[in-house]
N, C-alpha and C. Protein backbone atom coordinates (compact mmCIF):
# COMPACT_ATOMS: atom_id res chain seq x y z
N MET A 1 -216.12 -125.34 -27.04
CA MET A 1 -216.63 -124.20 -25.70
C MET A 1 -216.57 -122.78 -26.74
N LEU A 2 -217.39 -121.66 -26.02
CA LEU A 2 -217.35 -120.73 -27.01
C LEU A 2 -217.00 -119.75 -25.64
N ILE A 3 -216.41 -118.70 -25.62
CA ILE A 3 -215.53 -117.62 -24.79
C ILE A 3 -215.80 -116.86 -25.70
N GLU A 4 -216.87 -115.88 -25.01
CA GLU A 4 -216.71 -114.48 -25.82
C GLU A 4 -217.61 -113.36 -24.62
N ASP A 5 -217.12 -112.40 -24.07
CA ASP A 5 -217.78 -111.28 -23.77
C ASP A 5 -218.79 -110.44 -23.90
N ASN A 6 -218.90 -110.15 -24.84
CA ASN A 6 -220.43 -110.10 -25.69
C ASN A 6 -221.32 -110.67 -25.75
N ASP A 7 -222.63 -110.78 -24.70
CA ASP A 7 -223.63 -111.33 -24.56
C ASP A 7 -224.43 -111.89 -25.77
N ASP A 8 -224.56 -110.91 -26.73
CA ASP A 8 -225.28 -110.97 -27.87
C ASP A 8 -224.65 -111.95 -29.20
N VAL A 9 -223.45 -111.92 -29.03
CA VAL A 9 -222.83 -112.47 -30.04
C VAL A 9 -222.28 -114.05 -29.48
N ARG A 10 -222.17 -113.96 -28.28
CA ARG A 10 -221.94 -115.45 -27.97
C ARG A 10 -223.28 -116.38 -28.16
N ASP A 11 -224.53 -115.37 -27.18
CA ASP A 11 -225.77 -116.24 -27.48
C ASP A 11 -226.39 -116.23 -28.57
N SER A 12 -226.40 -115.52 -30.16
CA SER A 12 -225.93 -115.94 -31.50
C SER A 12 -225.13 -116.78 -31.89
N LEU A 13 -223.66 -116.90 -31.34
CA LEU A 13 -222.94 -117.73 -32.13
C LEU A 13 -223.43 -119.24 -31.53
N GLY A 14 -223.76 -119.20 -30.47
CA GLY A 14 -224.08 -120.39 -29.95
C GLY A 14 -225.29 -121.21 -30.52
N GLU A 15 -226.62 -120.21 -30.45
CA GLU A 15 -227.68 -120.97 -31.30
C GLU A 15 -226.95 -121.56 -32.78
N LEU A 16 -226.22 -120.92 -33.27
CA LEU A 16 -226.20 -121.06 -34.80
C LEU A 16 -225.63 -122.22 -34.55
N LEU A 17 -224.07 -122.49 -33.82
CA LEU A 17 -223.35 -124.09 -33.61
C LEU A 17 -224.41 -124.89 -32.99
N ALA A 18 -225.36 -124.60 -32.46
CA ALA A 18 -226.24 -125.94 -31.48
C ALA A 18 -227.33 -126.25 -33.22
N ASP A 19 -227.39 -125.45 -33.76
CA ASP A 19 -228.09 -125.65 -34.93
C ASP A 19 -227.76 -126.38 -35.83
N GLU A 20 -226.35 -126.27 -36.06
CA GLU A 20 -225.51 -126.95 -36.82
C GLU A 20 -225.24 -128.42 -36.44
N GLY A 21 -225.80 -128.86 -35.20
CA GLY A 21 -225.58 -129.89 -34.22
C GLY A 21 -224.19 -130.16 -33.27
N PHE A 22 -223.38 -129.43 -32.91
CA PHE A 22 -222.33 -128.56 -31.84
C PHE A 22 -222.89 -128.79 -30.50
N GLN A 23 -222.77 -129.34 -29.71
CA GLN A 23 -222.86 -128.98 -28.35
C GLN A 23 -221.69 -128.04 -27.71
N VAL A 24 -222.44 -126.98 -27.21
CA VAL A 24 -221.87 -125.52 -27.32
C VAL A 24 -221.80 -125.42 -25.07
N LEU A 25 -220.66 -125.36 -25.09
CA LEU A 25 -220.58 -125.07 -23.41
C LEU A 25 -220.15 -123.18 -23.73
N ALA A 26 -220.79 -122.45 -23.52
CA ALA A 26 -220.22 -120.98 -23.65
C ALA A 26 -219.92 -120.46 -22.18
N ALA A 27 -218.90 -119.29 -22.08
CA ALA A 27 -218.36 -119.00 -21.24
C ALA A 27 -218.39 -117.10 -21.47
N SER A 28 -218.41 -116.66 -20.68
CA SER A 28 -218.59 -114.92 -20.98
C SER A 28 -216.97 -114.29 -20.58
N GLY A 29 -215.97 -115.20 -20.86
CA GLY A 29 -214.82 -114.41 -20.42
C GLY A 29 -213.94 -115.71 -19.99
N GLY A 30 -212.26 -115.28 -20.09
CA GLY A 30 -211.40 -116.27 -19.55
C GLY A 30 -210.89 -116.50 -18.29
N ARG A 31 -211.67 -116.14 -17.46
CA ARG A 31 -211.94 -116.88 -16.46
C ARG A 31 -213.35 -117.64 -15.90
N ASP A 32 -214.34 -117.22 -16.53
CA ASP A 32 -215.28 -117.92 -16.50
C ASP A 32 -214.82 -119.60 -16.88
N ALA A 33 -214.07 -119.51 -18.62
CA ALA A 33 -213.80 -120.55 -19.06
C ALA A 33 -213.28 -121.58 -18.16
N LEU A 34 -212.02 -120.70 -17.73
CA LEU A 34 -211.04 -121.72 -16.91
C LEU A 34 -211.67 -122.13 -15.71
N ALA A 35 -212.63 -122.08 -14.72
CA ALA A 35 -213.76 -123.09 -14.16
C ALA A 35 -214.29 -123.00 -14.45
N GLN A 36 -215.10 -123.59 -15.33
CA GLN A 36 -215.74 -124.41 -16.22
C GLN A 36 -214.94 -125.57 -16.86
N LEU A 37 -213.95 -124.99 -17.26
CA LEU A 37 -212.82 -126.42 -17.54
C LEU A 37 -212.60 -127.13 -16.33
N SER A 38 -211.78 -126.50 -15.35
CA SER A 38 -212.18 -127.13 -13.97
C SER A 38 -213.07 -127.92 -13.48
N ASN A 39 -213.93 -127.67 -13.49
CA ASN A 39 -214.90 -128.40 -13.56
C ASN A 39 -215.73 -129.46 -14.46
N ALA A 40 -215.17 -129.71 -15.71
CA ALA A 40 -215.65 -130.30 -16.74
C ALA A 40 -215.21 -131.72 -16.59
N LYS A 41 -216.90 -132.25 -16.68
CA LYS A 41 -216.39 -134.11 -16.76
C LYS A 41 -215.97 -134.97 -18.19
N GLU A 42 -216.26 -133.23 -19.14
CA GLU A 42 -216.22 -133.85 -20.66
C GLU A 42 -215.21 -132.58 -20.79
N LEU A 43 -214.23 -132.56 -21.50
CA LEU A 43 -213.26 -131.23 -22.07
C LEU A 43 -213.92 -131.65 -22.93
N PRO A 44 -214.07 -129.73 -24.34
CA PRO A 44 -214.77 -129.67 -25.21
C PRO A 44 -213.35 -129.93 -26.27
N GLY A 45 -213.92 -130.63 -27.78
CA GLY A 45 -213.04 -130.36 -28.60
C GLY A 45 -212.26 -129.58 -28.72
N VAL A 46 -212.55 -128.18 -29.34
CA VAL A 46 -212.32 -127.17 -29.56
C VAL A 46 -212.98 -126.04 -28.47
N ILE A 47 -211.89 -124.61 -28.82
CA ILE A 47 -212.40 -123.76 -27.39
C ILE A 47 -212.23 -122.64 -29.04
N LEU A 48 -213.48 -121.86 -28.75
CA LEU A 48 -213.82 -120.63 -29.88
C LEU A 48 -213.33 -119.75 -28.88
N LEU A 49 -212.12 -119.10 -29.02
CA LEU A 49 -211.91 -117.89 -27.96
C LEU A 49 -212.05 -116.46 -28.25
N ASP A 50 -212.60 -115.51 -28.29
CA ASP A 50 -212.29 -113.78 -28.99
C ASP A 50 -211.10 -113.62 -27.97
N LEU A 51 -210.34 -112.57 -29.09
CA LEU A 51 -209.12 -112.28 -28.08
C LEU A 51 -209.43 -111.13 -27.25
N MET A 52 -209.90 -110.00 -27.40
CA MET A 52 -210.52 -108.22 -26.82
C MET A 52 -211.13 -109.53 -26.22
N MET A 53 -211.12 -108.98 -24.89
CA MET A 53 -211.95 -109.20 -23.39
C MET A 53 -211.37 -108.70 -22.44
N PRO A 54 -212.04 -107.90 -21.61
CA PRO A 54 -212.13 -107.40 -20.57
C PRO A 54 -211.41 -108.36 -19.22
N GLN A 55 -210.69 -108.06 -18.45
CA GLN A 55 -210.46 -108.90 -17.18
C GLN A 55 -209.50 -109.78 -18.03
N MET A 56 -209.67 -111.21 -18.57
CA MET A 56 -208.84 -111.60 -19.09
C MET A 56 -208.55 -111.68 -20.63
N ASN A 57 -207.72 -111.34 -21.48
CA ASN A 57 -208.07 -111.51 -22.79
C ASN A 57 -207.64 -112.61 -23.61
N GLY A 58 -207.80 -112.71 -24.37
CA GLY A 58 -207.36 -114.24 -25.15
C GLY A 58 -205.89 -114.75 -25.34
N ALA A 59 -205.13 -113.72 -24.69
CA ALA A 59 -203.72 -114.39 -24.58
C ALA A 59 -203.54 -114.93 -23.96
N GLU A 60 -204.06 -113.90 -22.71
CA GLU A 60 -204.05 -114.53 -21.26
C GLU A 60 -204.49 -115.29 -21.18
N PHE A 61 -205.51 -115.84 -21.87
CA PHE A 61 -206.36 -117.47 -21.48
C PHE A 61 -204.90 -118.15 -21.70
N VAL A 62 -205.01 -118.13 -23.25
CA VAL A 62 -204.18 -118.99 -23.94
C VAL A 62 -202.83 -119.32 -22.49
N GLY A 63 -202.20 -118.99 -22.37
CA GLY A 63 -201.43 -119.00 -21.51
C GLY A 63 -201.42 -119.71 -20.56
N GLU A 64 -202.64 -119.65 -19.95
CA GLU A 64 -203.41 -120.23 -18.78
C GLU A 64 -203.72 -121.41 -18.98
N LEU A 65 -204.41 -121.78 -20.29
CA LEU A 65 -204.52 -122.96 -21.13
C LEU A 65 -203.53 -124.07 -20.83
N ARG A 66 -202.77 -123.13 -21.61
CA ARG A 66 -200.93 -123.88 -22.17
C ARG A 66 -200.59 -124.72 -20.76
N LYS A 67 -200.94 -124.16 -19.17
CA LYS A 67 -199.67 -124.25 -18.38
C LYS A 67 -200.44 -125.68 -18.02
N ASN A 68 -201.82 -125.75 -18.03
CA ASN A 68 -202.30 -127.08 -17.53
C ASN A 68 -202.42 -128.72 -18.46
N PRO A 69 -201.46 -129.54 -18.67
CA PRO A 69 -201.16 -130.39 -20.01
C PRO A 69 -202.86 -131.18 -20.08
N GLN A 70 -203.66 -131.37 -18.98
CA GLN A 70 -205.18 -131.72 -19.62
C GLN A 70 -205.31 -130.96 -20.42
N TRP A 71 -205.08 -129.52 -20.61
CA TRP A 71 -205.44 -128.96 -21.71
C TRP A 71 -205.28 -128.27 -22.83
N SER A 72 -204.20 -128.49 -22.31
CA SER A 72 -202.93 -127.95 -23.65
C SER A 72 -203.11 -128.34 -25.06
N GLY A 73 -203.70 -129.50 -24.76
CA GLY A 73 -204.37 -130.07 -26.48
C GLY A 73 -205.13 -129.74 -27.14
N ILE A 74 -206.06 -129.06 -26.02
CA ILE A 74 -207.96 -128.60 -26.91
C ILE A 74 -207.56 -127.46 -27.71
N ALA A 75 -207.93 -128.21 -29.65
CA ALA A 75 -207.70 -127.05 -30.40
C ALA A 75 -208.26 -125.38 -29.87
N THR A 76 -207.69 -124.78 -30.28
CA THR A 76 -207.71 -123.39 -29.78
C THR A 76 -208.39 -122.37 -31.58
N ILE A 77 -209.30 -121.29 -31.67
CA ILE A 77 -209.93 -121.17 -32.99
C ILE A 77 -210.17 -119.89 -31.95
N VAL A 78 -209.03 -118.86 -32.68
CA VAL A 78 -209.59 -117.65 -32.24
C VAL A 78 -210.38 -116.35 -32.92
N LEU A 79 -211.41 -116.07 -32.88
CA LEU A 79 -211.84 -115.20 -33.04
C LEU A 79 -211.78 -113.43 -32.80
N SER A 80 -211.63 -112.75 -33.96
CA SER A 80 -211.21 -111.35 -33.97
C SER A 80 -211.62 -111.50 -34.93
N ALA A 81 -211.87 -109.10 -34.56
CA ALA A 81 -212.05 -108.23 -35.59
C ALA A 81 -210.37 -107.68 -35.66
N ASP A 82 -209.37 -107.97 -35.10
CA ASP A 82 -208.15 -107.67 -35.82
C ASP A 82 -208.05 -107.69 -37.21
N ALA A 83 -207.35 -106.55 -37.30
CA ALA A 83 -206.35 -106.64 -39.12
C ALA A 83 -205.26 -107.28 -39.01
N GLY A 84 -205.02 -107.59 -37.95
CA GLY A 84 -203.73 -108.53 -37.77
C GLY A 84 -203.60 -109.34 -36.96
N ILE A 85 -204.66 -110.13 -36.65
CA ILE A 85 -205.33 -111.76 -36.73
C ILE A 85 -204.05 -112.60 -36.40
N ALA A 86 -204.14 -112.84 -38.28
CA ALA A 86 -203.43 -113.88 -38.41
C ALA A 86 -201.87 -113.81 -37.67
N GLY A 87 -201.41 -112.85 -37.66
CA GLY A 87 -199.64 -112.92 -37.13
C GLY A 87 -200.21 -112.83 -35.67
N LYS A 88 -201.35 -113.01 -34.93
CA LYS A 88 -201.93 -112.77 -33.53
C LYS A 88 -201.48 -114.31 -33.48
N ALA A 89 -202.60 -114.95 -33.85
CA ALA A 89 -202.84 -116.39 -34.24
C ALA A 89 -201.70 -117.08 -34.17
N ALA A 90 -200.60 -116.61 -34.75
CA ALA A 90 -199.47 -117.58 -35.23
C ALA A 90 -198.58 -117.32 -33.87
N THR A 91 -198.63 -116.37 -33.35
CA THR A 91 -197.77 -116.12 -31.95
C THR A 91 -197.63 -117.17 -31.03
N LEU A 92 -199.46 -116.63 -30.79
CA LEU A 92 -200.23 -117.71 -29.83
C LEU A 92 -200.07 -119.21 -29.98
N GLY A 93 -199.69 -119.78 -31.44
CA GLY A 93 -199.75 -120.97 -31.79
C GLY A 93 -201.09 -121.73 -31.82
N VAL A 94 -202.37 -121.04 -32.25
CA VAL A 94 -203.32 -121.47 -31.61
C VAL A 94 -203.72 -122.53 -32.97
N SER A 95 -204.48 -123.16 -33.46
CA SER A 95 -205.16 -123.90 -34.37
C SER A 95 -205.01 -123.19 -35.66
N THR A 96 -206.14 -122.39 -35.29
CA THR A 96 -206.58 -121.41 -36.39
C THR A 96 -207.52 -119.77 -35.99
N TYR A 97 -207.56 -119.01 -37.08
CA TYR A 97 -208.46 -118.27 -36.57
C TYR A 97 -209.45 -117.71 -37.55
N VAL A 98 -210.65 -117.27 -37.40
CA VAL A 98 -211.87 -116.65 -37.94
C VAL A 98 -212.01 -115.06 -37.67
N ARG A 99 -211.95 -114.40 -38.93
CA ARG A 99 -212.24 -112.84 -38.74
C ARG A 99 -213.67 -112.35 -38.31
N LYS A 100 -213.65 -111.90 -37.89
CA LYS A 100 -215.56 -110.98 -37.05
C LYS A 100 -215.78 -109.74 -38.19
N PRO A 101 -216.74 -109.44 -38.21
CA PRO A 101 -217.91 -110.16 -37.99
C PRO A 101 -217.68 -112.04 -39.15
N VAL A 102 -217.92 -112.82 -37.77
CA VAL A 102 -218.13 -114.29 -38.26
C VAL A 102 -219.07 -114.18 -39.37
N HIS A 103 -218.93 -115.16 -40.66
CA HIS A 103 -219.48 -115.89 -41.16
C HIS A 103 -219.90 -117.18 -40.97
N LEU A 104 -221.09 -117.82 -41.02
CA LEU A 104 -221.06 -118.72 -40.35
C LEU A 104 -219.96 -120.06 -41.66
N ASP A 105 -220.00 -119.86 -42.04
CA ASP A 105 -219.15 -120.84 -43.67
C ASP A 105 -217.73 -120.78 -42.64
N ASP A 106 -217.46 -119.65 -42.81
CA ASP A 106 -216.16 -119.74 -42.15
C ASP A 106 -215.65 -120.22 -41.05
N LEU A 107 -216.81 -120.03 -39.87
CA LEU A 107 -216.50 -120.71 -39.03
C LEU A 107 -216.60 -121.70 -39.07
N LEU A 108 -217.86 -122.78 -39.10
CA LEU A 108 -217.87 -124.14 -39.82
C LEU A 108 -216.69 -124.86 -40.28
N ASN A 109 -216.12 -124.07 -41.44
CA ASN A 109 -214.83 -124.82 -42.61
C ASN A 109 -213.67 -124.77 -41.17
N ALA A 110 -213.91 -123.63 -40.16
CA ALA A 110 -212.88 -124.01 -39.35
C ALA A 110 -213.04 -125.03 -38.24
N LEU A 111 -214.21 -125.60 -38.03
CA LEU A 111 -214.21 -126.88 -37.20
C LEU A 111 -214.38 -128.23 -37.38
N ARG A 112 -214.80 -128.46 -38.98
CA ARG A 112 -214.41 -129.15 -39.16
C ARG A 112 -213.20 -129.81 -39.33
N VAL A 113 -211.89 -128.89 -39.90
CA VAL A 113 -210.73 -128.82 -40.07
C VAL A 113 -210.33 -129.78 -38.92
N GLN A 114 -210.85 -128.98 -37.54
CA GLN A 114 -210.19 -129.83 -36.06
C GLN A 114 -211.02 -130.31 -35.84
N PHE A 115 -212.19 -130.72 -36.53
CA PHE A 115 -212.89 -132.39 -36.17
C PHE A 115 -212.66 -133.39 -37.06
N ARG A 116 -211.25 -133.42 -37.78
CA ARG A 116 -211.24 -134.68 -38.90
C ARG A 116 -210.58 -135.68 -38.07
């Protein structure tokens, strides 16, 4: 699942990941993602999460994710341009992070680690 509020970034990353063989479920924000997870027949193996989003930011989304026992085990990779991303990722207890602008190799390496 790719959660990104910027349409262009979401579409581009989604296409790149699909070209690499991943099935991508895209959400425009945290609330959209929670709704999709609630209705999902199959849960995603990994969530790619933008931290800075309107309405529900990445930290708020992670909080909601952790409240649901079915979802709390889904690996989460944070995407952010924030210089303090390493500390924020550690505080959130997410699997890892990838800096924006996202380089495909960095993203694929992070995903490979999660799918081992």
